[in-house]
Amino acid sequence: MKPIARIDYQVGPLDESGLAGSPLEQFRRWLEEADAAGIEEPNAMAMASVDERGQPHVRTLLCKEVTVDGFVFFTNYESDKARQIEANPQVGLCFHWQPAHRQVRVAGIATRIPQAESDEYFASRPRDAQLGAWSSPQSRVIPDRDYVRDRLGQVTEQFPDEVPRPPHWGGYLVRPSALEFWQGQPSRLHDRIRYIRRTDGGLDDPQAWMRERLAP
């Protein structure tokens, strides 16, 4: 394999005095800056879950909302990721914005959001995406691509107008217990600041978190 050129990060240091007291507020700042910088799909995140054998599984999906309670995403409740979450709700998230030399890692607990909130979001999706949610038996073995195309044709006929939310599709909220903000620095002496939840206060309350610096 041909050696890959190393990048020497030259962005400014991550100073505690400039960070928000709440990690969710700090995350929103970085997300907005990544979006303003033109980074494609800055809400893309890797999510790790664990199966019944203790084997970790990681995949990339989109965070659809950051609320005062955490991070929201949507999926098929019969998918591998959802089955793993139902058995063990502890998950890890990772947002990586390479052009900005930044990364955020999140540890937390995933729980289903209320059905009414899933209904509201599903109704806002494009019709093609709504039909796709009915067409794909996510994570199941299928004979060929035509199988999904045939199912798409069937549900298109079944729902000529409004498409209801499938009962097997909806959202999860990841309520964080720890967030780590990483910013690349020269000589690999990267900045790492971790927030750890220490009280039962609201997640946007700075008093609910302690903050510490980690070695790179």
Protein backbone atom coordinates (compact mmCIF):
# COMPACT_ATOMS: atom_id res chain seq x y z
CA MET A 1 0.00 0.00 0.00
CA LYS A 2 1.33 3.42 -0.95
CA PRO A 3 1.97 5.60 2.14
CA ILE A 4 -0.72 8.21 2.70
CA ALA A 5 0.49 11.75 3.26
CA ARG A 6 0.06 12.99 6.81
CA ILE A 7 -1.66 16.28 7.57
CA ASP A 8 -0.16 18.64 10.14
CA TYR A 9 -3.17 20.42 11.62
CA GLN A 10 -2.74 24.18 11.91
CA VAL A 11 -6.03 25.39 13.41
CA GLY A 12 -6.09 27.44 16.59
CA PRO A 13 -6.09 25.79 20.03
CA LEU A 14 -9.25 24.70 21.82
CA ASP A 15 -9.34 26.89 24.91
CA GLU A 16 -11.68 26.04 27.78
CA SER A 17 -12.47 29.71 28.32
CA GLY A 18 -14.14 29.90 24.92
CA LEU A 19 -16.31 26.82 25.33
CA ALA A 20 -19.99 26.81 26.24
CA GLY A 21 -20.95 25.61 29.69
CA SER A 22 -23.32 23.07 28.15
CA PRO A 23 -21.88 20.50 25.72
CA LEU A 24 -25.10 20.51 23.69
CA GLU A 25 -24.72 24.25 23.15
CA GLN A 26 -21.07 23.76 22.21
CA PHE A 27 -22.09 21.00 19.78
CA ARG A 28 -24.65 23.29 18.13
CA ARG A 29 -21.94 25.93 17.64
CA TRP A 30 -19.62 23.47 15.93
CA LEU A 31 -22.43 22.02 13.82
CA GLU A 32 -23.44 25.48 12.63
CA GLU A 33 -19.81 26.34 11.84
CA ALA A 34 -19.39 23.09 9.88
CA ASP A 35 -22.54 23.86 7.91
CA ALA A 36 -21.47 27.45 7.25
CA ALA A 37 -18.11 26.16 6.00
CA GLY A 38 -19.91 24.12 3.36
CA ILE A 39 -19.06 20.70 4.78
CA GLU A 40 -21.36 18.19 3.09
CA GLU A 41 -23.97 16.64 5.41
CA PRO A 42 -22.42 17.95 8.65
CA ASN A 43 -25.14 16.07 10.56
CA ALA A 44 -23.76 12.71 9.40
CA MET A 45 -22.66 10.58 12.33
CA ALA A 46 -21.25 7.13 12.93
CA MET A 47 -23.27 5.18 15.48
CA ALA A 48 -21.97 2.14 17.34
CA SER A 49 -24.20 -0.44 19.00
CA VAL A 50 -23.51 -3.93 20.35
CA ASP A 51 -25.19 -7.23 19.48
CA GLU A 52 -26.07 -10.09 21.81
CA ARG A 53 -22.56 -11.58 21.48
CA GLY A 54 -20.92 -8.31 22.49
CA GLN A 55 -19.81 -7.62 18.90
CA PRO A 56 -19.78 -3.88 18.13
CA HIS A 57 -21.44 -2.67 14.92
CA VAL A 58 -20.85 0.77 13.39
CA ARG A 59 -22.72 2.52 10.60
CA THR A 60 -23.20 6.07 9.33
CA LEU A 61 -26.59 7.77 9.53
CA LEU A 62 -28.01 11.27 9.81
CA CYS A 63 -28.82 13.12 13.02
CA LYS A 64 -32.11 14.86 12.23
CA GLU A 65 -32.35 17.10 15.28
CA VAL A 66 -30.39 18.21 18.33
CA THR A 67 -32.83 19.00 21.12
CA VAL A 68 -32.38 20.04 24.74
CA ASP A 69 -32.51 16.31 25.52
CA GLY A 70 -30.03 14.96 22.98
CA PHE A 71 -29.64 13.66 19.44
CA VAL A 72 -32.54 12.37 17.32
CA PHE A 73 -32.36 9.94 14.41
CA PHE A 74 -34.90 7.77 12.57
CA THR A 75 -34.76 4.17 11.38
CA ASN A 76 -36.64 0.94 10.77
CA TYR A 77 -37.45 -0.60 14.16
CA GLU A 78 -36.83 -4.06 12.65
CA SER A 79 -33.31 -3.20 11.45
CA ASP A 80 -30.16 -4.63 13.02
CA LYS A 81 -29.34 -1.34 14.73
CA ALA A 82 -32.81 -1.07 16.29
CA ARG A 83 -32.79 -4.68 17.50
CA GLN A 84 -29.40 -4.10 19.09
CA ILE A 85 -30.60 -0.91 20.77
CA GLU A 86 -33.68 -2.65 22.16
CA ALA A 87 -31.42 -5.31 23.73
CA ASN A 88 -28.72 -2.87 24.89
CA PRO A 89 -29.57 0.86 24.64
CA GLN A 90 -26.00 2.04 25.28
CA VAL A 91 -24.64 3.57 22.05
CA GLY A 92 -21.77 5.72 20.83
CA LEU A 93 -21.95 8.51 18.25
CA CYS A 94 -19.13 10.19 16.35
CA PHE A 95 -19.34 13.34 14.23
CA HIS A 96 -16.20 13.97 12.15
CA TRP A 97 -15.65 17.20 10.24
CA GLN A 98 -12.28 16.63 8.58
CA PRO A 99 -12.07 19.99 6.71
CA ALA A 100 -12.45 21.74 10.08
CA HIS A 101 -10.12 19.27 11.85
CA ARG A 102 -12.80 18.60 14.43
CA GLN A 103 -14.57 15.59 15.90
CA VAL A 104 -17.21 15.06 18.59
CA ARG A 105 -17.76 11.73 20.34
CA VAL A 106 -20.93 11.03 22.31
CA ALA A 107 -21.76 8.27 24.78
CA GLY A 108 -25.39 7.85 25.77
CA ILE A 109 -28.60 5.88 26.02
CA ALA A 110 -30.97 5.52 23.05
CA THR A 111 -34.74 5.35 23.61
CA ARG A 112 -37.70 5.59 21.24
CA ILE A 113 -39.28 8.99 20.87
CA PRO A 114 -43.09 9.39 21.20
CA GLN A 115 -45.10 8.08 18.23
CA ALA A 116 -46.60 11.52 17.60
CA GLU A 117 -43.12 12.96 17.02
CA SER A 118 -42.28 10.13 14.60
CA ASP A 119 -45.58 10.77 12.80
CA GLU A 120 -44.78 14.46 12.46
CA TYR A 121 -41.33 13.85 11.04
CA PHE A 122 -42.49 11.10 8.67
CA ALA A 123 -45.16 13.41 7.27
CA SER A 124 -42.45 15.95 6.41
CA ARG A 125 -40.43 13.48 4.33
CA PRO A 126 -40.59 13.41 0.52
CA ARG A 127 -43.10 10.92 -0.86
CA ASP A 128 -40.34 8.75 -2.36
CA ALA A 129 -38.67 8.44 1.05
CA GLN A 130 -42.02 7.59 2.66
CA LEU A 131 -42.64 4.82 0.14
CA GLY A 132 -39.08 3.58 0.61
CA ALA A 133 -39.71 3.11 4.32
CA TRP A 134 -42.55 0.71 3.44
CA SER A 135 -40.60 -1.04 0.66
CA SER A 136 -37.39 -2.11 2.37
CA PRO A 137 -37.28 -4.87 5.01
CA GLN A 138 -34.11 -3.28 6.33
CA SER A 139 -31.22 -5.59 7.26
CA ARG A 140 -33.07 -8.70 6.01
CA VAL A 141 -31.59 -11.00 3.36
CA ILE A 142 -33.33 -10.47 -0.01
CA PRO A 143 -32.99 -12.48 -3.26
CA ASP A 144 -32.08 -9.56 -5.54
CA ARG A 145 -32.63 -5.83 -6.15
CA ASP A 146 -35.83 -6.52 -8.08
CA TYR A 147 -37.38 -7.71 -4.82
CA VAL A 148 -37.25 -4.17 -3.38
CA ARG A 149 -38.34 -2.61 -6.67
CA ASP A 150 -41.35 -4.92 -6.80
CA ARG A 151 -42.28 -3.99 -3.23
CA LEU A 152 -41.95 -0.31 -4.13
CA GLY A 153 -44.40 -0.79 -6.98
CA GLN A 154 -46.84 -2.54 -4.66
CA VAL A 155 -46.80 0.15 -1.96
CA THR A 156 -47.02 2.90 -4.58
CA GLU A 157 -50.31 1.37 -5.70
CA GLN A 158 -51.38 0.77 -2.11
CA PHE A 159 -50.87 4.43 -1.13
CA PRO A 160 -51.81 6.58 -4.16
CA ASP A 161 -52.25 9.68 -2.00
CA GLU A 162 -51.15 10.16 1.60
CA VAL A 163 -48.54 7.70 2.91
CA PRO A 164 -48.96 6.82 6.60
CA ARG A 165 -45.98 6.10 8.83
CA PRO A 166 -45.18 2.37 8.95
CA PRO A 167 -45.63 0.96 12.47
CA HIS A 168 -42.10 -0.47 12.20
CA TRP A 169 -40.45 2.90 11.53
CA GLY A 170 -39.70 5.78 13.88
CA GLY A 171 -37.24 7.81 15.87
CA TYR A 172 -34.76 7.40 18.69
CA LEU A 173 -33.34 9.95 21.10
CA VAL A 174 -29.75 9.50 22.29
CA ARG A 175 -29.53 11.15 25.69
CA PRO A 176 -25.81 11.81 26.30
CA SER A 177 -23.85 11.08 29.46
CA ALA A 178 -20.51 12.25 28.02
CA LEU A 179 -19.31 14.27 25.02
CA GLU A 180 -15.73 14.75 23.88
CA PHE A 181 -14.68 17.65 21.64
CA TRP A 182 -11.50 17.01 19.62
CA GLN A 183 -9.64 19.62 17.62
CA GLY A 184 -6.52 18.80 15.61
CA GLN A 185 -3.27 20.55 16.53
CA PRO A 186 0.31 20.62 15.18
CA SER A 187 2.67 17.74 16.04
CA ARG A 188 -0.33 15.55 16.92
CA LEU A 189 -0.72 17.39 20.23
CA HIS A 190 -4.47 17.56 19.68
CA ASP A 191 -6.89 19.26 22.03
CA ARG A 192 -9.46 17.01 23.72
CA ILE A 193 -12.10 18.40 26.09
CA ARG A 194 -14.61 16.04 27.67
CA TYR A 195 -17.89 16.94 29.36
CA ILE A 196 -19.28 14.36 31.80
CA ARG A 197 -22.77 14.57 33.23
CA ARG A 198 -22.72 14.80 37.01
CA THR A 199 -26.29 15.68 38.05
CA ASP A 200 -29.84 14.98 36.99
CA GLY A 201 -30.36 18.56 35.87
CA GLY A 202 -31.40 19.54 32.38
CA LEU A 203 -28.83 18.69 29.71
CA ASP A 204 -28.62 22.33 28.64
CA ASP A 205 -27.79 23.35 32.23
CA PRO A 206 -24.03 24.01 32.63
CA GLN A 207 -24.30 22.94 36.27
CA ALA A 208 -25.20 19.43 35.12
CA TRP A 209 -21.74 18.88 33.62
CA MET A 210 -18.11 18.68 34.70
CA ARG A 211 -15.39 19.40 32.16
CA GLU A 212 -11.88 17.94 31.88
CA ARG A 213 -8.96 17.99 29.43
CA LEU A 214 -7.58 14.71 28.06
CA ALA A 215 -4.11 13.96 26.75
CA PRO A 216 -4.01 13.64 22.94
